[in-house]
Amino acid sequence: MRTTVTIDPDVEALVRKAMRDRGEPFKQVLNAAIRDGLASRRRGAVKPFKQPTLDMGKPLVDLTKALSLAAELEDAEFIAKLQRRLSGQ
């Protein structure tokens, strides 16, 4: 089957390196890589990614209004910068 595929630059570099290492053409290396990748998923060789998590304990501050507090701090900083600019500093 003939098709057009957009390959990310890092993937292209890996395919080109494999071409040099194996002395095989682009099409052959790309097909082998896809075949191996899909086959390994079927065999369960690739484990699903699991992000390790840690309990950081109870928060030291009340976070229920954290976004509101962040907005207030941002506004206060913006006002201070504006006042400095207007006063010529």
Protein backbone atom coordinates (compact mmCIF):
# COMPACT_ATOMS: atom_id res chain seq x y z
CA MET A 1 0.00 0.00 0.00
CA ARG A 2 1.33 3.43 -0.89
CA THR A 3 0.52 6.29 1.48
CA THR A 4 1.92 9.60 2.69
CA VAL A 5 2.92 9.85 6.33
CA THR A 6 4.36 12.80 8.24
CA ILE A 7 7.24 11.68 10.44
CA ASP A 8 8.53 13.78 13.32
CA PRO A 9 12.17 14.94 12.95
CA ASP A 10 13.38 12.81 15.87
CA VAL A 11 11.76 9.69 14.38
CA GLU A 12 13.30 10.43 10.99
CA ALA A 13 16.72 10.70 12.61
CA LEU A 14 16.22 7.30 14.27
CA VAL A 15 15.15 5.72 10.97
CA ARG A 16 18.09 7.29 9.09
CA LYS A 17 20.52 6.02 11.76
CA ALA A 18 19.04 2.51 11.51
CA MET A 19 19.40 2.71 7.72
CA ARG A 20 23.11 3.47 8.07
CA ASP A 21 23.64 0.82 10.76
CA ARG A 22 21.79 -1.94 8.90
CA GLY A 23 22.55 -0.90 5.35
CA GLU A 24 18.86 -1.24 4.50
CA PRO A 25 16.57 1.13 2.58
CA PHE A 26 14.19 3.58 4.28
CA LYS A 27 11.05 1.59 3.44
CA GLN A 28 12.45 -1.64 4.89
CA VAL A 29 13.64 -0.01 8.13
CA LEU A 30 10.38 1.90 8.62
CA ASN A 31 8.23 -1.20 8.02
CA ALA A 32 10.36 -3.25 10.44
CA ALA A 33 10.11 -0.55 13.12
CA ILE A 34 6.33 -0.32 12.81
CA ARG A 35 5.96 -4.10 12.74
CA ASP A 36 8.19 -4.55 15.82
CA GLY A 37 6.44 -1.77 17.73
CA LEU A 38 2.95 -3.08 17.07
CA ALA A 39 3.94 -6.69 17.71
CA SER A 40 5.52 -5.84 21.07
CA ARG A 41 2.29 -4.14 22.18
CA ARG A 42 0.32 -7.23 21.25
CA ARG A 43 2.68 -9.42 23.27
CA GLY A 44 2.35 -7.09 26.22
CA ALA A 45 6.08 -6.31 26.12
CA VAL A 46 5.39 -2.61 26.52
CA LYS A 47 4.14 -1.82 30.00
CA PRO A 48 1.60 0.97 30.30
CA PHE A 49 3.15 4.12 31.72
CA LYS A 50 2.41 4.64 35.40
CA GLN A 51 3.40 7.91 37.00
CA PRO A 52 4.82 7.36 40.48
CA THR A 53 3.08 9.49 43.10
CA LEU A 54 4.00 10.49 46.60
CA ASP A 55 1.87 11.63 49.51
CA MET A 56 3.04 15.13 50.33
CA GLY A 57 1.06 15.29 53.53
CA LYS A 58 -1.48 17.83 54.62
CA PRO A 59 -1.11 21.27 52.98
CA LEU A 60 0.43 23.93 55.17
CA VAL A 61 -1.98 26.56 53.83
CA ASP A 62 -5.65 26.44 52.86
CA LEU A 63 -5.72 25.80 49.09
CA THR A 64 -9.46 26.18 48.56
CA LYS A 65 -8.98 29.72 47.28
CA ALA A 66 -5.49 29.30 45.80
CA LEU A 67 -6.44 30.57 42.33
CA SER A 68 -8.12 33.61 43.81
CA LEU A 69 -5.06 34.34 45.94
CA ALA A 70 -2.74 33.90 42.93
CA ALA A 71 -4.88 36.33 40.92
CA GLU A 72 -4.77 38.90 43.73
CA LEU A 73 -0.99 38.60 44.01
CA GLU A 74 -0.63 38.93 40.25
CA ASP A 75 -2.86 42.02 40.23
CA ALA A 76 -0.90 43.58 43.09
CA GLU A 77 2.40 43.00 41.26
CA PHE A 78 0.99 44.45 38.04
CA ILE A 79 -0.24 47.56 39.88
CA ALA A 80 3.15 47.99 41.57
CA LYS A 81 4.97 47.75 38.21
CA LEU A 82 2.56 50.23 36.66
CA GLN A 83 3.04 52.68 39.54
CA ARG A 84 6.84 52.39 39.25
CA ARG A 85 6.63 53.03 35.52
CA LEU A 86 4.36 56.06 35.97
CA SER A 87 6.57 57.53 38.73
CA GLY A 88 9.60 57.31 36.42
CA GLN A 89 11.62 54.68 38.26
